[in-house]
Amino acid sequence: MIDFSWKVFSQTGNIESYLLMKELQLIQQDDSEEGIDTASLLENDRQI
């Protein structure tokens, strides 16, 4: 999701995409500090 947000921002200059990317990075950083694997949580959501 972070890569997608960056790609949209880099191709369009859309600031909302950049802000979304930064927010996702903060969430990922917080989760890694707490020992939560965000990627596996997102994968589990896709399977539902």
C-alpha atoms as a PDB file:
ATOM      1  CA  MET A   1       0.000   0.000   0.000  1.00  0.00           C
ATOM      2  CA  ILE A   2       2.869   2.361   0.785  1.00  0.00           C
ATOM      3  CA  ASP A   3       4.455   1.644  -2.609  1.00  0.00           C
ATOM      4  CA  PHE A   4       1.147   2.269  -4.363  1.00  0.00           C
ATOM      5  CA  SER A   5       0.657   5.592  -2.562  1.00  0.00           C
ATOM      6  CA  TRP A   6       4.181   6.675  -3.520  1.00  0.00           C
ATOM      7  CA  LYS A   7       3.648   5.672  -7.151  1.00  0.00           C
ATOM      8  CA  VAL A   8       0.419   7.675  -7.351  1.00  0.00           C
ATOM      9  CA  PHE A   9       2.108  10.676  -5.741  1.00  0.00           C
ATOM     10  CA  SER A  10       5.190  10.503  -7.956  1.00  0.00           C
ATOM     11  CA  GLN A  11       3.081  10.298 -11.111  1.00  0.00           C
ATOM     12  CA  THR A  12       0.422  12.863 -10.201  1.00  0.00           C
ATOM     13  CA  GLY A  13       1.879  15.117  -7.510  1.00  0.00           C
ATOM     14  CA  ASN A  14      -1.291  14.511  -5.479  1.00  0.00           C
ATOM     15  CA  ILE A  15      -0.483  15.632  -1.934  1.00  0.00           C
ATOM     16  CA  GLU A  16      -3.227  13.413  -0.479  1.00  0.00           C
ATOM     17  CA  SER A  17      -1.373  10.353  -1.779  1.00  0.00           C
ATOM     18  CA  TYR A  18       1.838  11.574  -0.152  1.00  0.00           C
ATOM     19  CA  LEU A  19       0.096  12.211   3.169  1.00  0.00           C
ATOM     20  CA  LEU A  20      -1.496   8.751   3.027  1.00  0.00           C
ATOM     21  CA  MET A  21       1.932   7.215   2.420  1.00  0.00           C
ATOM     22  CA  LYS A  22       3.431   9.052   5.405  1.00  0.00           C
ATOM     23  CA  GLU A  23       0.515   8.015   7.640  1.00  0.00           C
ATOM     24  CA  LEU A  24       0.907   4.386   6.578  1.00  0.00           C
ATOM     25  CA  GLN A  25       4.635   4.560   7.318  1.00  0.00           C
ATOM     26  CA  LEU A  26       3.922   5.854  10.826  1.00  0.00           C
ATOM     27  CA  ILE A  27       1.390   3.101  11.448  1.00  0.00           C
ATOM     28  CA  GLN A  28       3.837   0.491  10.170  1.00  0.00           C
ATOM     29  CA  GLN A  29       6.592   1.900  12.389  1.00  0.00           C
ATOM     30  CA  ASP A  30       4.328   1.916  15.458  1.00  0.00           C
ATOM     31  CA  ASP A  31       3.208  -1.638  14.760  1.00  0.00           C
ATOM     32  CA  SER A  32       6.766  -2.886  14.336  1.00  0.00           C
ATOM     33  CA  GLU A  33       7.723  -1.318  17.666  1.00  0.00           C
ATOM     34  CA  GLU A  34       4.818  -3.193  19.260  1.00  0.00           C
ATOM     35  CA  GLY A  35       5.737  -6.427  17.484  1.00  0.00           C
ATOM     36  CA  ILE A  36       2.717  -6.461  15.174  1.00  0.00           C
ATOM     37  CA  ASP A  37       3.205  -7.680  11.605  1.00  0.00           C
ATOM     38  CA  THR A  38       1.070  -5.219   9.616  1.00  0.00           C
ATOM     39  CA  ALA A  39       1.678  -6.988   6.303  1.00  0.00           C
ATOM     40  CA  SER A  40       0.216 -10.266   7.570  1.00  0.00           C
ATOM     41  CA  LEU A  41      -2.790  -8.423   9.013  1.00  0.00           C
ATOM     42  CA  LEU A  42      -3.468  -6.825   5.644  1.00  0.00           C
ATOM     43  CA  GLU A  43      -3.072 -10.178   3.905  1.00  0.00           C
ATOM     44  CA  ASN A  44      -5.590 -11.749   6.275  1.00  0.00           C
ATOM     45  CA  ASP A  45      -8.093  -8.961   5.485  1.00  0.00           C
ATOM     46  CA  ARG A  46      -7.806  -9.668   1.767  1.00  0.00           C
ATOM     47  CA  GLN A  47      -8.684 -13.323   2.289  1.00  0.00           C
ATOM     48  CA  ILE A  48     -11.955 -12.543   4.059  1.00  0.00           C
END
